[in-house]
Amino acid sequence: MSRPPLTVTPGRCATAAAAATAGLALLALLGWALDVVPLRAVGPGLAPMDPATAAGLLAASLALLLLRDEAGPRPRRLAGAGAGMAVAVLGLLFAAAVLGWDRGLARQVFGGVGDAMPPNTAACLLFLGLALALTDVGPPQRPWPVHPLLLLVASFSLLTLLGHAYGVVPLTRIHDPQPMAINSGLAFGLLALGAGCARPRRGFLAVVGSASLG
């Protein structure tokens, strides 16, 4: 029995999400380089996207671009998985810094930029990086760990955007005075959507994106 055709164009969705996220990250880095607050913080008085987060988002965008084609060359997909693992390591490093377990490693490697990374941002980098690294792991018939990780990232993104939109600051942070930036929350949401669309025949998107009753 042949599979029903997809009603979405997953490759374009993944590419657009990666390109938009890379644009947000590059604008933030440009804002830090030129000291232009609106580029890195969207608006005055709002939390900025720190340079370490911007670098992680750029790496995640590259990983998604390399992984967006399920039928692409294996070396290219392996490079995408490697870039995803690098993002996960970055998130783990800053998560350990938040908990005080890194013995100052984040400060030594990145100077003081890691001190400004909120815990929920570090968690999103960790979960997103793991999802990208595990994109092609396991046969299609087995349970896929990627979508639960992406749902966690999307949840943090949605809470951040809602918190900023309605002025509910606790939604934008986790036991830390520094909230996740609006542009960071938007970028994580875009990447979660794009990473899910990169493999639309796996997980629950195989049902949602098909032309069947699902």
Protein backbone atom coordinates (compact mmCIF):
# COMPACT_ATOMS: atom_id res chain seq x y z
CA MET A 1 0.00 0.00 0.00
CA SER A 2 1.50 3.31 -1.08
CA ARG A 3 1.86 6.14 1.37
CA PRO A 4 -0.40 9.16 0.87
CA PRO A 5 1.27 12.26 -0.54
CA LEU A 6 2.24 14.98 1.86
CA THR A 7 0.16 18.13 1.83
CA VAL A 8 3.12 20.24 2.98
CA THR A 9 6.49 21.15 1.47
CA PRO A 10 8.77 20.17 4.35
CA GLY A 11 12.05 21.04 2.66
CA ARG A 12 10.99 24.64 2.07
CA CYS A 13 9.65 24.94 5.61
CA ALA A 14 12.94 23.73 7.09
CA THR A 15 14.98 26.00 4.82
CA ALA A 16 12.85 29.05 5.63
CA ALA A 17 13.07 28.37 9.37
CA ALA A 18 16.86 27.99 9.21
CA ALA A 19 17.27 31.15 7.13
CA ALA A 20 15.02 33.24 9.38
CA THR A 21 16.81 32.03 12.51
CA ALA A 22 20.23 32.72 11.02
CA GLY A 23 19.02 36.23 10.20
CA LEU A 24 17.89 36.86 13.77
CA ALA A 25 21.19 35.55 15.16
CA LEU A 26 23.28 37.61 12.75
CA LEU A 27 21.31 40.76 13.59
CA ALA A 28 21.97 40.15 17.28
CA LEU A 29 25.69 39.69 16.68
CA LEU A 30 25.72 42.86 14.56
CA GLY A 31 23.93 44.68 17.36
CA TRP A 32 26.62 43.66 19.83
CA ALA A 33 29.42 44.57 17.40
CA LEU A 34 27.96 48.01 16.56
CA ASP A 35 26.35 48.59 19.98
CA VAL A 36 22.88 48.95 18.43
CA VAL A 37 20.44 47.89 21.15
CA PRO A 38 17.33 47.25 18.98
CA LEU A 39 19.21 44.68 16.90
CA ARG A 40 20.13 42.51 19.85
CA ALA A 41 17.22 43.25 22.21
CA VAL A 42 14.31 44.06 19.83
CA GLY A 43 13.49 47.10 21.96
CA PRO A 44 14.84 49.22 24.83
CA GLY A 45 14.43 47.71 28.26
CA LEU A 46 14.00 44.18 26.90
CA ALA A 47 16.37 41.26 27.42
CA PRO A 48 18.97 40.93 24.64
CA MET A 49 20.05 37.81 22.80
CA ASP A 50 23.55 37.20 24.13
CA PRO A 51 26.40 36.38 21.69
CA ALA A 52 26.74 32.78 22.88
CA THR A 53 23.06 32.13 22.16
CA ALA A 54 23.41 33.75 18.75
CA ALA A 55 26.38 31.51 17.95
CA GLY A 56 24.42 28.43 19.04
CA LEU A 57 21.44 29.44 16.90
CA LEU A 58 23.71 29.94 13.89
CA ALA A 59 25.15 26.44 14.37
CA ALA A 60 21.63 25.01 14.75
CA SER A 61 20.54 26.78 11.55
CA LEU A 62 23.49 25.26 9.71
CA ALA A 63 22.64 21.82 11.09
CA LEU A 64 19.04 22.15 9.93
CA LEU A 65 20.12 23.22 6.44
CA LEU A 66 22.37 20.16 6.19
CA LEU A 67 19.64 17.84 7.49
CA ARG A 68 16.64 19.28 5.64
CA ASP A 69 16.78 16.75 2.80
CA GLU A 70 16.06 13.22 4.01
CA ALA A 71 17.41 11.81 0.75
CA GLY A 72 20.52 13.99 0.80
CA PRO A 73 24.08 12.62 0.75
CA ARG A 74 25.00 10.76 3.91
CA PRO A 75 28.18 12.82 4.57
CA ARG A 76 26.12 16.01 4.50
CA ARG A 77 23.55 14.59 6.93
CA LEU A 78 26.34 13.36 9.22
CA ALA A 79 27.83 16.86 9.19
CA GLY A 80 24.41 18.21 10.16
CA ALA A 81 24.19 15.76 13.04
CA GLY A 82 27.68 16.81 14.16
CA ALA A 83 26.66 20.48 14.12
CA GLY A 84 23.60 19.56 16.16
CA MET A 85 25.76 17.77 18.71
CA ALA A 86 27.96 20.88 18.97
CA VAL A 87 24.83 22.90 19.81
CA ALA A 88 23.89 20.34 22.47
CA VAL A 89 27.37 20.54 24.01
CA LEU A 90 27.11 24.34 24.08
CA GLY A 91 23.75 24.14 25.83
CA LEU A 92 25.07 21.57 28.29
CA LEU A 93 28.07 23.74 29.08
CA PHE A 94 25.95 26.75 29.94
CA ALA A 95 23.39 24.64 31.79
CA ALA A 96 26.27 23.37 33.93
CA ALA A 97 27.41 26.97 34.41
CA VAL A 98 23.95 27.94 35.67
CA LEU A 99 24.11 25.09 38.20
CA GLY A 100 27.69 25.93 39.14
CA TRP A 101 29.03 22.58 37.95
CA ASP A 102 31.37 23.77 35.20
CA ARG A 103 34.06 25.18 37.55
CA GLY A 104 34.22 28.38 35.53
CA LEU A 105 34.75 26.67 32.16
CA ALA A 106 32.09 28.74 30.37
CA ARG A 107 33.69 31.95 31.61
CA GLN A 108 37.15 30.77 30.52
CA VAL A 109 35.97 29.79 27.02
CA PHE A 110 33.48 32.59 26.33
CA GLY A 111 34.56 35.32 28.70
CA GLY A 112 31.58 36.91 30.44
CA VAL A 113 28.98 36.30 27.72
CA GLY A 114 27.84 33.02 29.25
CA ASP A 115 26.85 34.72 32.49
CA ALA A 116 23.95 36.41 30.69
CA MET A 117 22.45 33.20 29.26
CA PRO A 118 19.17 32.33 31.00
CA PRO A 119 18.61 28.72 32.12
CA ASN A 120 15.69 28.18 29.73
CA THR A 121 17.85 29.36 26.83
CA ALA A 122 20.58 26.88 27.77
CA ALA A 123 17.96 24.12 28.05
CA CYS A 124 16.59 24.97 24.59
CA LEU A 125 20.07 24.78 23.07
CA LEU A 126 20.61 21.40 24.73
CA PHE A 127 17.26 19.90 23.67
CA LEU A 128 17.39 21.37 20.16
CA GLY A 129 20.95 20.18 19.61
CA LEU A 130 20.05 16.66 20.74
CA ALA A 131 17.02 16.64 18.45
CA LEU A 132 19.13 17.66 15.45
CA ALA A 133 21.85 15.14 16.29
CA LEU A 134 19.28 12.31 16.57
CA THR A 135 17.33 13.23 13.43
CA ASP A 136 18.37 10.14 11.46
CA VAL A 137 18.86 7.74 14.36
CA GLY A 138 16.86 4.51 14.29
CA PRO A 139 14.50 2.99 11.71
CA PRO A 140 11.25 4.82 10.86
CA GLN A 141 9.16 2.11 12.52
CA ARG A 142 10.71 2.65 15.97
CA PRO A 143 9.67 5.35 18.48
CA TRP A 144 11.41 8.59 17.58
CA PRO A 145 12.91 10.69 20.41
CA VAL A 146 13.17 13.86 18.34
CA HIS A 147 9.61 15.18 18.56
CA PRO A 148 9.43 15.12 22.39
CA LEU A 149 12.63 17.18 22.47
CA LEU A 150 11.27 19.59 19.88
CA LEU A 151 8.03 19.94 21.83
CA LEU A 152 10.03 20.98 24.90
CA VAL A 153 11.83 23.63 22.84
CA ALA A 154 8.55 24.83 21.31
CA SER A 155 6.97 25.02 24.78
CA PHE A 156 9.79 27.24 26.10
CA SER A 157 9.46 29.37 22.98
CA LEU A 158 5.69 29.77 23.34
CA LEU A 159 5.91 30.60 27.05
CA THR A 160 8.58 33.22 26.35
CA LEU A 161 6.60 34.90 23.57
CA LEU A 162 3.39 34.89 25.62
CA GLY A 163 5.22 36.17 28.69
CA HIS A 164 6.68 39.11 26.79
CA ALA A 165 3.41 39.81 24.97
CA TYR A 166 1.32 39.94 28.14
CA GLY A 167 3.97 41.21 30.53
CA VAL A 168 4.04 38.02 32.60
CA VAL A 169 7.76 37.92 33.35
CA PRO A 170 7.80 34.55 35.23
CA LEU A 171 6.84 32.80 31.98
CA THR A 172 10.06 33.99 30.36
CA ARG A 173 12.53 32.70 32.96
CA ILE A 174 13.33 29.78 35.28
CA HIS A 175 14.52 30.71 38.78
CA ASP A 176 16.75 33.40 37.33
CA PRO A 177 16.32 37.17 37.05
CA GLN A 178 17.40 37.14 33.40
CA PRO A 179 14.50 36.22 31.04
CA MET A 180 14.85 34.66 27.62
CA ALA A 181 14.94 37.33 24.90
CA ILE A 182 12.03 37.72 22.51
CA ASN A 183 14.22 37.10 19.46
CA SER A 184 15.68 34.00 21.11
CA GLY A 185 12.21 32.63 21.84
CA LEU A 186 11.09 33.28 18.27
CA ALA A 187 14.25 31.66 16.88
CA PHE A 188 13.81 28.51 18.97
CA GLY A 189 10.20 28.21 17.86
CA LEU A 190 11.18 28.52 14.20
CA LEU A 191 13.92 25.91 14.54
CA ALA A 192 11.62 23.48 16.38
CA LEU A 193 9.09 23.79 13.55
CA GLY A 194 11.74 23.47 10.85
CA ALA A 195 13.44 20.47 12.47
CA GLY A 196 10.10 18.67 12.70
CA CYS A 197 9.33 19.41 9.06
CA ALA A 198 12.74 18.07 8.00
CA ARG A 199 11.43 14.52 8.59
CA PRO A 200 7.67 14.77 8.01
CA ARG A 201 7.21 11.00 7.64
CA ARG A 202 8.41 10.30 11.18
CA GLY A 203 6.68 10.88 14.50
CA PHE A 204 3.29 12.53 14.78
CA LEU A 205 3.96 14.80 11.78
CA ALA A 206 3.62 11.70 9.60
CA VAL A 207 -0.05 11.76 10.61
CA VAL A 208 -0.61 15.51 10.75
CA GLY A 209 1.09 16.28 7.45
CA SER A 210 -0.49 13.52 5.37
CA ALA A 211 -3.54 13.71 3.14
CA SER A 212 -5.33 11.05 5.19
CA LEU A 213 -7.99 11.61 7.85
CA GLY A 214 -5.19 12.01 10.43
